[in-house]
Amino acid sequence: MASNKNIQYRATAVLNYNVQLFGGYNTRFSLFGQSSSGVPYSVTLNGGDGTIGAYGFTPYLDFIEHVLVEPGTRNDRRGSSWTKADLRVSQELPGFSDEHTARAFIVVDNFTNLLNDDWGVLYKPNFPYGVTQDDIDAGRTESRIGGASLWEIRVGFNYNF
């Protein structure tokens, strides 16, 4: 039986590349990638249909509508894995004096989704009560998590004196 939050594997990697493209000032390209297995979920009976009596008690979950299918193994299935990459480009700039430093940057969160709408999309099983056999038959075992599945661009400037 797996915990509701158990991630079987997670891999992360960072690639950095530095080059001087403009007037001897450093330009840095950073790519951060991550990949993880899907979260576990349970298959439950369709709620409210009187099937709770099959056990003689309500195993796990919420005592009313969400009952595990026999043999009652909680979180014995796993949702889809998720992979995404973020990109950061930063450029050193001259300051107003030799002691001052400046840097402009652009960050693309979920760069993979910017390249292709089908990449970097997070799907999670319906939680916390699991997925019914009707959901499985209809192909509705997971929902798209909007905020994590979208790309975002941030632009900034940093000046130290």
N, C-alpha and C. Protein backbone atom coordinates (compact mmCIF):
# COMPACT_ATOMS: atom_id res chain seq x y z
N MET A 1 0.86 -1.18 0.00
CA MET A 1 0.00 0.00 0.00
C MET A 1 0.90 1.23 0.00
N ALA A 2 0.69 2.11 -0.93
CA ALA A 2 1.51 3.30 -1.07
C ALA A 2 0.81 4.51 -0.44
N SER A 3 1.59 5.42 0.04
CA SER A 3 1.08 6.69 0.56
C SER A 3 0.45 7.48 -0.58
N ASN A 4 -0.47 8.39 -0.25
CA ASN A 4 -1.09 9.24 -1.25
C ASN A 4 -0.09 10.13 -1.97
N LYS A 5 1.03 10.44 -1.34
CA LYS A 5 2.02 11.36 -1.91
C LYS A 5 3.29 10.66 -2.38
N ASN A 6 3.33 9.34 -2.35
CA ASN A 6 4.53 8.59 -2.68
C ASN A 6 4.91 8.75 -4.15
N ILE A 7 6.13 9.21 -4.39
CA ILE A 7 6.68 9.30 -5.73
C ILE A 7 7.73 8.21 -5.85
N GLN A 8 7.55 7.30 -6.80
CA GLN A 8 8.44 6.15 -6.92
C GLN A 8 9.85 6.58 -7.34
N TYR A 9 9.95 7.49 -8.30
CA TYR A 9 11.26 8.01 -8.70
C TYR A 9 11.14 9.48 -9.07
N ARG A 10 12.27 10.18 -8.96
CA ARG A 10 12.36 11.56 -9.42
C ARG A 10 13.79 11.81 -9.81
N ALA A 11 13.99 12.32 -11.00
CA ALA A 11 15.32 12.64 -11.49
C ALA A 11 15.36 14.12 -11.86
N THR A 12 16.44 14.79 -11.50
CA THR A 12 16.63 16.19 -11.85
C THR A 12 18.01 16.37 -12.45
N ALA A 13 18.15 17.37 -13.31
CA ALA A 13 19.44 17.67 -13.93
C ALA A 13 19.50 19.16 -14.24
N VAL A 14 20.72 19.70 -14.19
CA VAL A 14 20.96 21.10 -14.53
C VAL A 14 22.11 21.15 -15.52
N LEU A 15 21.92 21.87 -16.60
CA LEU A 15 22.97 22.11 -17.58
C LEU A 15 23.21 23.62 -17.65
N ASN A 16 24.46 24.04 -17.52
CA ASN A 16 24.83 25.45 -17.60
C ASN A 16 25.86 25.64 -18.70
N TYR A 17 25.73 26.73 -19.44
CA TYR A 17 26.70 27.06 -20.48
C TYR A 17 26.98 28.55 -20.38
N ASN A 18 28.26 28.90 -20.26
CA ASN A 18 28.69 30.30 -20.17
C ASN A 18 29.48 30.66 -21.42
N VAL A 19 29.22 31.85 -21.96
CA VAL A 19 29.92 32.34 -23.13
C VAL A 19 29.92 33.88 -23.06
N GLN A 20 30.92 34.50 -23.66
CA GLN A 20 30.96 35.96 -23.72
C GLN A 20 30.53 36.38 -25.12
N LEU A 21 29.28 36.83 -25.23
CA LEU A 21 28.72 37.21 -26.52
C LEU A 21 28.83 38.70 -26.80
N PHE A 22 28.81 39.53 -25.76
CA PHE A 22 28.75 40.98 -25.93
C PHE A 22 29.83 41.66 -25.10
N GLY A 23 30.83 42.25 -25.75
CA GLY A 23 31.81 43.11 -25.10
C GLY A 23 32.52 42.51 -23.90
N GLY A 24 32.76 41.23 -23.89
CA GLY A 24 33.46 40.60 -22.77
C GLY A 24 32.60 40.35 -21.55
N TYR A 25 31.30 40.54 -21.66
CA TYR A 25 30.38 40.28 -20.54
C TYR A 25 29.81 38.87 -20.65
N ASN A 26 29.67 38.22 -19.52
CA ASN A 26 29.25 36.82 -19.48
C ASN A 26 27.76 36.66 -19.82
N THR A 27 27.47 35.70 -20.69
CA THR A 27 26.10 35.28 -20.98
C THR A 27 25.98 33.85 -20.49
N ARG A 28 24.92 33.56 -19.72
CA ARG A 28 24.76 32.23 -19.15
C ARG A 28 23.42 31.64 -19.57
N PHE A 29 23.46 30.41 -20.07
CA PHE A 29 22.27 29.65 -20.41
C PHE A 29 22.16 28.52 -19.40
N SER A 30 21.02 28.40 -18.73
CA SER A 30 20.80 27.34 -17.75
C SER A 30 19.51 26.60 -18.10
N LEU A 31 19.60 25.28 -18.10
CA LEU A 31 18.44 24.44 -18.37
C LEU A 31 18.28 23.50 -17.18
N PHE A 32 17.13 23.57 -16.52
CA PHE A 32 16.82 22.71 -15.38
C PHE A 32 15.71 21.75 -15.82
N GLY A 33 15.96 20.45 -15.72
CA GLY A 33 14.96 19.46 -16.10
C GLY A 33 14.61 18.55 -14.94
N GLN A 34 13.38 18.08 -14.94
CA GLN A 34 12.94 17.13 -13.91
C GLN A 34 11.95 16.16 -14.52
N SER A 35 11.99 14.94 -13.98
CA SER A 35 11.06 13.90 -14.40
C SER A 35 10.69 13.09 -13.18
N SER A 36 9.42 12.76 -13.04
CA SER A 36 9.00 11.98 -11.87
C SER A 36 7.87 11.03 -12.26
N SER A 37 7.79 9.96 -11.47
CA SER A 37 6.71 9.00 -11.69
C SER A 37 5.38 9.60 -11.24
N GLY A 38 4.30 8.99 -11.65
CA GLY A 38 2.98 9.47 -11.27
C GLY A 38 2.64 9.11 -9.83
N VAL A 39 1.64 9.79 -9.29
CA VAL A 39 1.21 9.52 -7.92
C VAL A 39 0.27 8.31 -7.90
N PRO A 40 0.24 7.59 -6.79
CA PRO A 40 -0.63 6.42 -6.70
C PRO A 40 -2.10 6.80 -6.53
N TYR A 41 -2.98 5.88 -6.93
CA TYR A 41 -4.41 6.10 -6.70
C TYR A 41 -5.10 4.77 -6.49
N SER A 42 -6.31 4.85 -5.98
CA SER A 42 -7.12 3.67 -5.70
C SER A 42 -8.25 3.57 -6.70
N VAL A 43 -8.71 2.36 -6.95
CA VAL A 43 -9.92 2.14 -7.73
C VAL A 43 -11.04 1.88 -6.74
N THR A 44 -12.13 2.67 -6.84
CA THR A 44 -13.23 2.56 -5.89
C THR A 44 -14.49 2.09 -6.58
N LEU A 45 -15.43 1.61 -5.78
CA LEU A 45 -16.74 1.25 -6.30
C LEU A 45 -17.52 2.52 -6.62
N ASN A 46 -18.47 2.41 -7.49
CA ASN A 46 -19.34 3.55 -7.77
C ASN A 46 -20.16 3.83 -6.53
N GLY A 47 -20.16 5.07 -6.08
CA GLY A 47 -20.71 5.43 -4.78
C GLY A 47 -22.22 5.31 -4.66
N GLY A 48 -22.66 5.08 -3.43
CA GLY A 48 -24.07 5.13 -3.09
C GLY A 48 -24.92 4.01 -3.64
N ASP A 49 -24.35 2.91 -4.08
CA ASP A 49 -25.17 1.86 -4.68
C ASP A 49 -25.36 0.65 -3.78
N GLY A 50 -25.07 0.77 -2.49
CA GLY A 50 -25.31 -0.31 -1.56
C GLY A 50 -24.27 -1.41 -1.59
N THR A 51 -23.16 -1.20 -2.25
CA THR A 51 -22.14 -2.24 -2.37
C THR A 51 -21.21 -2.31 -1.16
N ILE A 52 -21.38 -1.42 -0.21
CA ILE A 52 -20.51 -1.43 0.97
C ILE A 52 -20.63 -2.74 1.72
N GLY A 53 -21.78 -3.36 1.68
CA GLY A 53 -21.99 -4.60 2.40
C GLY A 53 -21.12 -5.75 1.92
N ALA A 54 -20.50 -5.63 0.78
CA ALA A 54 -19.64 -6.70 0.28
C ALA A 54 -18.52 -7.00 1.27
N TYR A 55 -18.11 -6.01 2.04
CA TYR A 55 -17.05 -6.20 3.02
C TYR A 55 -17.60 -6.44 4.43
N GLY A 56 -18.81 -5.98 4.67
CA GLY A 56 -19.33 -6.01 6.03
C GLY A 56 -18.86 -4.81 6.83
N PHE A 57 -18.03 -3.98 6.23
CA PHE A 57 -17.55 -2.73 6.84
C PHE A 57 -17.08 -1.86 5.68
N THR A 58 -16.76 -0.62 5.97
CA THR A 58 -16.28 0.29 4.94
C THR A 58 -14.77 0.38 5.03
N PRO A 59 -14.05 -0.22 4.12
CA PRO A 59 -12.59 -0.18 4.18
C PRO A 59 -12.04 1.16 3.69
N TYR A 60 -11.15 1.77 4.50
CA TYR A 60 -10.46 2.99 4.10
C TYR A 60 -11.43 4.10 3.72
N LEU A 61 -10.94 5.06 3.09
CA LEU A 61 -11.61 6.17 2.45
C LEU A 61 -12.70 6.80 3.31
N ASP A 62 -13.89 7.14 2.78
CA ASP A 62 -14.74 8.10 3.51
C ASP A 62 -16.02 7.58 4.16
N PHE A 63 -16.24 6.30 4.28
CA PHE A 63 -17.37 5.69 4.98
C PHE A 63 -18.73 5.86 4.31
N ILE A 64 -18.86 6.58 3.20
CA ILE A 64 -20.17 6.79 2.62
C ILE A 64 -20.21 6.27 1.19
N GLU A 65 -19.58 7.00 0.27
CA GLU A 65 -19.70 6.65 -1.14
C GLU A 65 -18.45 6.03 -1.73
N HIS A 66 -17.31 6.23 -1.14
CA HIS A 66 -16.06 5.85 -1.78
C HIS A 66 -15.47 4.64 -1.08
N VAL A 67 -15.67 3.48 -1.65
CA VAL A 67 -15.24 2.22 -1.06
C VAL A 67 -14.32 1.54 -2.07
N LEU A 68 -13.23 0.99 -1.58
CA LEU A 68 -12.29 0.30 -2.46
C LEU A 68 -12.92 -0.95 -3.06
N VAL A 69 -12.58 -1.22 -4.31
CA VAL A 69 -13.03 -2.48 -4.92
C VAL A 69 -12.31 -3.63 -4.24
N GLU A 70 -12.95 -4.80 -4.25
CA GLU A 70 -12.29 -5.96 -3.66
C GLU A 70 -11.07 -6.32 -4.49
N PRO A 71 -9.98 -6.70 -3.90
CA PRO A 71 -9.76 -7.07 -2.51
C PRO A 71 -9.46 -5.90 -1.59
N GLY A 72 -9.66 -4.67 -2.03
CA GLY A 72 -9.49 -3.52 -1.14
C GLY A 72 -8.06 -3.04 -1.02
N THR A 73 -7.29 -3.13 -2.06
CA THR A 73 -5.90 -2.66 -2.02
C THR A 73 -5.87 -1.17 -2.33
N ARG A 74 -5.42 -0.40 -1.36
CA ARG A 74 -5.39 1.06 -1.49
C ARG A 74 -4.16 1.49 -2.29
N ASN A 75 -4.35 2.45 -3.21
CA ASN A 75 -3.27 3.05 -4.00
C ASN A 75 -2.43 2.01 -4.74
N ASP A 76 -3.09 1.04 -5.37
CA ASP A 76 -2.35 0.01 -6.09
C ASP A 76 -2.13 0.34 -7.56
N ARG A 77 -2.57 1.52 -8.00
CA ARG A 77 -2.33 1.97 -9.38
C ARG A 77 -1.52 3.26 -9.34
N ARG A 78 -0.91 3.60 -10.46
CA ARG A 78 -0.06 4.79 -10.51
C ARG A 78 -0.46 5.64 -11.72
N GLY A 79 -0.53 6.95 -11.51
CA GLY A 79 -0.86 7.89 -12.57
C GLY A 79 0.30 8.11 -13.53
N SER A 80 0.10 9.03 -14.46
CA SER A 80 1.09 9.31 -15.49
C SER A 80 2.32 10.00 -14.92
N SER A 81 3.47 9.72 -15.52
CA SER A 81 4.70 10.42 -15.13
C SER A 81 4.68 11.83 -15.72
N TRP A 82 5.61 12.67 -15.24
CA TRP A 82 5.65 14.07 -15.66
C TRP A 82 7.09 14.48 -15.87
N THR A 83 7.35 15.13 -16.99
CA THR A 83 8.68 15.63 -17.31
C THR A 83 8.55 17.05 -17.84
N LYS A 84 9.43 17.93 -17.35
CA LYS A 84 9.43 19.31 -17.86
C LYS A 84 10.83 19.88 -17.73
N ALA A 85 11.09 20.97 -18.44
CA ALA A 85 12.37 21.68 -18.37
C ALA A 85 12.11 23.17 -18.30
N ASP A 86 12.94 23.87 -17.53
CA ASP A 86 12.88 25.33 -17.40
C ASP A 86 14.17 25.91 -17.98
N LEU A 87 14.08 27.07 -18.62
CA LEU A 87 15.23 27.71 -19.24
C LEU A 87 15.43 29.10 -18.64
N ARG A 88 16.69 29.43 -18.36
CA ARG A 88 17.04 30.77 -17.87
C ARG A 88 18.23 31.27 -18.69
N VAL A 89 18.13 32.49 -19.20
CA VAL A 89 19.23 33.14 -19.91
C VAL A 89 19.51 34.44 -19.19
N SER A 90 20.78 34.63 -18.79
CA SER A 90 21.14 35.87 -18.10
C SER A 90 22.34 36.50 -18.79
N GLN A 91 22.37 37.82 -18.77
CA GLN A 91 23.41 38.58 -19.45
C GLN A 91 24.00 39.61 -18.49
N GLU A 92 25.34 39.56 -18.27
CA GLU A 92 26.00 40.60 -17.49
C GLU A 92 26.00 41.89 -18.28
N LEU A 93 25.88 43.00 -17.55
CA LEU A 93 25.87 44.32 -18.17
C LEU A 93 26.82 45.23 -17.39
N PRO A 94 27.33 46.28 -18.03
CA PRO A 94 28.21 47.19 -17.29
C PRO A 94 27.43 47.99 -16.25
N GLY A 95 28.10 48.29 -15.12
CA GLY A 95 27.50 49.13 -14.09
C GLY A 95 27.93 50.58 -14.28
N PHE A 96 27.43 51.46 -13.41
CA PHE A 96 27.79 52.88 -13.51
C PHE A 96 29.20 53.15 -13.01
N SER A 97 29.77 52.21 -12.25
CA SER A 97 31.18 52.30 -11.83
C SER A 97 31.75 50.88 -11.83
N ASP A 98 33.08 50.78 -11.63
CA ASP A 98 33.73 49.47 -11.69
C ASP A 98 33.26 48.53 -10.60
N GLU A 99 32.84 49.06 -9.44
CA GLU A 99 32.39 48.23 -8.32
C GLU A 99 30.95 47.74 -8.50
N HIS A 100 30.22 48.34 -9.40
CA HIS A 100 28.81 47.98 -9.61
C HIS A 100 28.70 46.85 -10.63
N THR A 101 27.72 45.98 -10.45
CA THR A 101 27.42 44.93 -11.42
C THR A 101 25.94 44.96 -11.77
N ALA A 102 25.65 44.56 -13.00
CA ALA A 102 24.26 44.51 -13.45
C ALA A 102 24.04 43.24 -14.25
N ARG A 103 22.82 42.78 -14.24
CA ARG A 103 22.47 41.56 -14.97
C ARG A 103 21.00 41.64 -15.39
N ALA A 104 20.73 41.30 -16.64
CA ALA A 104 19.37 41.16 -17.14
C ALA A 104 19.13 39.66 -17.35
N PHE A 105 17.89 39.24 -17.14
CA PHE A 105 17.61 37.81 -17.31
C PHE A 105 16.20 37.59 -17.82
N ILE A 106 16.04 36.41 -18.40
CA ILE A 106 14.72 35.94 -18.83
C ILE A 106 14.61 34.48 -18.37
N VAL A 107 13.47 34.13 -17.79
CA VAL A 107 13.23 32.78 -17.30
C VAL A 107 11.97 32.26 -17.99
N VAL A 108 12.08 31.08 -18.57
CA VAL A 108 10.91 30.43 -19.17
C VAL A 108 10.62 29.19 -18.32
N ASP A 109 9.58 29.29 -17.49
CA ASP A 109 9.14 28.15 -16.69
C ASP A 109 8.33 27.22 -17.59
N ASN A 110 8.65 25.95 -17.57
CA ASN A 110 8.04 24.92 -18.42
C ASN A 110 8.30 25.23 -19.90
N PHE A 111 9.57 25.39 -20.21
CA PHE A 111 10.03 25.63 -21.58
C PHE A 111 9.53 24.54 -22.52
N THR A 112 9.44 23.30 -22.03
CA THR A 112 8.97 22.19 -22.85
C THR A 112 7.55 22.44 -23.37
N ASN A 113 6.69 23.01 -22.54
CA ASN A 113 5.31 23.27 -22.96
C ASN A 113 5.25 24.44 -23.95
N LEU A 114 6.19 25.38 -23.86
CA LEU A 114 6.26 26.46 -24.83
C LEU A 114 6.60 25.91 -26.21
N LEU A 115 7.49 24.90 -26.26
CA LEU A 115 7.88 24.31 -27.54
C LEU A 115 6.77 23.47 -28.17
N ASN A 116 6.01 22.75 -27.32
CA ASN A 116 4.96 21.85 -27.81
C ASN A 116 3.87 21.75 -26.75
N ASP A 117 2.63 22.00 -27.12
CA ASP A 117 1.50 21.97 -26.17
C ASP A 117 1.31 20.62 -25.48
N ASP A 118 1.82 19.55 -26.07
CA ASP A 118 1.66 18.22 -25.48
C ASP A 118 2.78 17.86 -24.51
N TRP A 119 3.82 18.66 -24.42
CA TRP A 119 4.95 18.38 -23.54
C TRP A 119 4.82 19.16 -22.23
N GLY A 120 5.38 18.63 -21.17
CA GLY A 120 5.40 19.34 -19.88
C GLY A 120 4.03 19.49 -19.26
N VAL A 121 3.11 18.59 -19.57
CA VAL A 121 1.74 18.66 -19.05
C VAL A 121 1.61 17.67 -17.89
N LEU A 122 1.11 18.17 -16.76
CA LEU A 122 0.94 17.34 -15.57
C LEU A 122 -0.50 16.84 -15.48
N TYR A 123 -0.64 15.53 -15.41
CA TYR A 123 -1.94 14.89 -15.18
C TYR A 123 -1.86 14.15 -13.85
N LYS A 124 -2.91 14.28 -13.05
CA LYS A 124 -2.97 13.56 -11.77
C LYS A 124 -4.30 12.84 -11.67
N PRO A 125 -4.28 11.67 -11.01
CA PRO A 125 -5.53 10.94 -10.79
C PRO A 125 -6.48 11.74 -9.89
N ASN A 126 -7.76 11.50 -10.05
CA ASN A 126 -8.75 12.17 -9.21
C ASN A 126 -8.49 11.80 -7.75
N PHE A 127 -8.41 12.78 -6.91
CA PHE A 127 -7.99 12.58 -5.53
C PHE A 127 -8.96 13.31 -4.62
N PRO A 128 -9.26 12.87 -3.42
CA PRO A 128 -8.55 11.84 -2.68
C PRO A 128 -9.20 10.47 -2.74
N TYR A 129 -10.36 10.33 -3.34
CA TYR A 129 -11.11 9.08 -3.19
C TYR A 129 -10.84 8.04 -4.24
N GLY A 130 -10.09 8.34 -5.24
CA GLY A 130 -9.77 7.34 -6.23
C GLY A 130 -10.59 7.47 -7.49
N VAL A 131 -10.55 6.43 -8.27
CA VAL A 131 -11.14 6.39 -9.59
C VAL A 131 -12.11 5.21 -9.62
N THR A 132 -13.30 5.41 -10.16
CA THR A 132 -14.27 4.32 -10.25
C THR A 132 -14.05 3.54 -11.54
N GLN A 133 -14.63 2.37 -11.62
CA GLN A 133 -14.53 1.57 -12.84
C GLN A 133 -15.19 2.32 -14.00
N ASP A 134 -16.26 3.08 -13.73
CA ASP A 134 -16.89 3.88 -14.78
C ASP A 134 -15.91 4.91 -15.33
N ASP A 135 -15.11 5.54 -14.43
CA ASP A 135 -14.09 6.50 -14.86
C ASP A 135 -13.07 5.83 -15.77
N ILE A 136 -12.64 4.64 -15.38
CA ILE A 136 -11.66 3.90 -16.17
C ILE A 136 -12.22 3.57 -17.54
N ASP A 137 -13.46 3.08 -17.57
CA ASP A 137 -14.10 2.72 -18.84
C ASP A 137 -14.24 3.94 -19.76
N ALA A 138 -14.49 5.12 -19.16
CA ALA A 138 -14.68 6.34 -19.95
C ALA A 138 -13.36 7.08 -20.21
N GLY A 139 -12.24 6.56 -19.69
CA GLY A 139 -10.95 7.21 -19.90
C GLY A 139 -10.77 8.47 -19.09
N ARG A 140 -11.45 8.59 -17.93
CA ARG A 140 -11.38 9.80 -17.09
C ARG A 140 -10.60 9.54 -15.81
N THR A 141 -9.51 8.84 -15.86
CA THR A 141 -8.79 8.51 -14.63
C THR A 141 -7.96 9.68 -14.12
N GLU A 142 -7.61 10.64 -14.99
CA GLU A 142 -6.74 11.74 -14.59
C GLU A 142 -7.29 13.08 -15.07
N SER A 143 -6.89 14.13 -14.35
CA SER A 143 -7.25 15.49 -14.73
C SER A 143 -5.97 16.29 -14.97
N ARG A 144 -6.04 17.21 -15.91
CA ARG A 144 -4.89 18.09 -16.20
C ARG A 144 -4.80 19.14 -15.10
N ILE A 145 -3.60 19.32 -14.56
CA ILE A 145 -3.34 20.32 -13.53
C ILE A 145 -2.87 21.58 -14.25
N GLY A 146 -3.74 22.57 -14.34
CA GLY A 146 -3.51 23.74 -15.18
C GLY A 146 -2.27 24.54 -14.88
N GLY A 147 -2.08 25.01 -13.65
CA GLY A 147 -0.96 25.88 -13.34
C GLY A 147 0.39 25.25 -13.62
N ALA A 148 0.56 24.00 -13.27
CA ALA A 148 1.84 23.31 -13.49
C ALA A 148 2.07 22.97 -14.95
N SER A 149 1.02 22.93 -15.75
CA SER A 149 1.12 22.49 -17.14
C SER A 149 1.28 23.63 -18.13
N LEU A 150 1.33 24.85 -17.67
CA LEU A 150 1.42 26.00 -18.56
C LEU A 150 2.83 26.58 -18.54
N TRP A 151 3.24 27.21 -19.62
CA TRP A 151 4.52 27.90 -19.63
C TRP A 151 4.33 29.33 -19.16
N GLU A 152 5.41 29.91 -18.67
CA GLU A 152 5.38 31.28 -18.15
C GLU A 152 6.74 31.91 -18.41
N ILE A 153 6.74 33.17 -18.81
CA ILE A 153 7.99 33.90 -19.05
C ILE A 153 8.08 35.07 -18.08
N ARG A 154 9.25 35.17 -17.41
CA ARG A 154 9.54 36.29 -16.51
C ARG A 154 10.80 36.98 -17.00
N VAL A 155 10.80 38.29 -16.98
CA VAL A 155 11.95 39.09 -17.38
C VAL A 155 12.33 39.96 -16.19
N GLY A 156 13.65 40.10 -15.94
CA GLY A 156 14.06 40.90 -14.81
C GLY A 156 15.40 41.55 -14.99
N PHE A 157 15.73 42.39 -14.04
CA PHE A 157 16.98 43.15 -14.07
C PHE A 157 17.48 43.24 -12.63
N ASN A 158 18.79 43.02 -12.45
CA ASN A 158 19.39 43.05 -11.13
C ASN A 158 20.59 44.00 -11.16
N TYR A 159 20.63 44.94 -10.22
CA TYR A 159 21.75 45.89 -10.16
C TYR A 159 22.31 45.89 -8.74
N ASN A 160 23.60 45.61 -8.60
CA ASN A 160 24.26 45.58 -7.29
C ASN A 160 25.28 46.71 -7.20
N PHE A 161 25.24 47.44 -6.07
CA PHE A 161 26.19 48.54 -5.87
C PHE A 161 26.67 48.55 -4.45
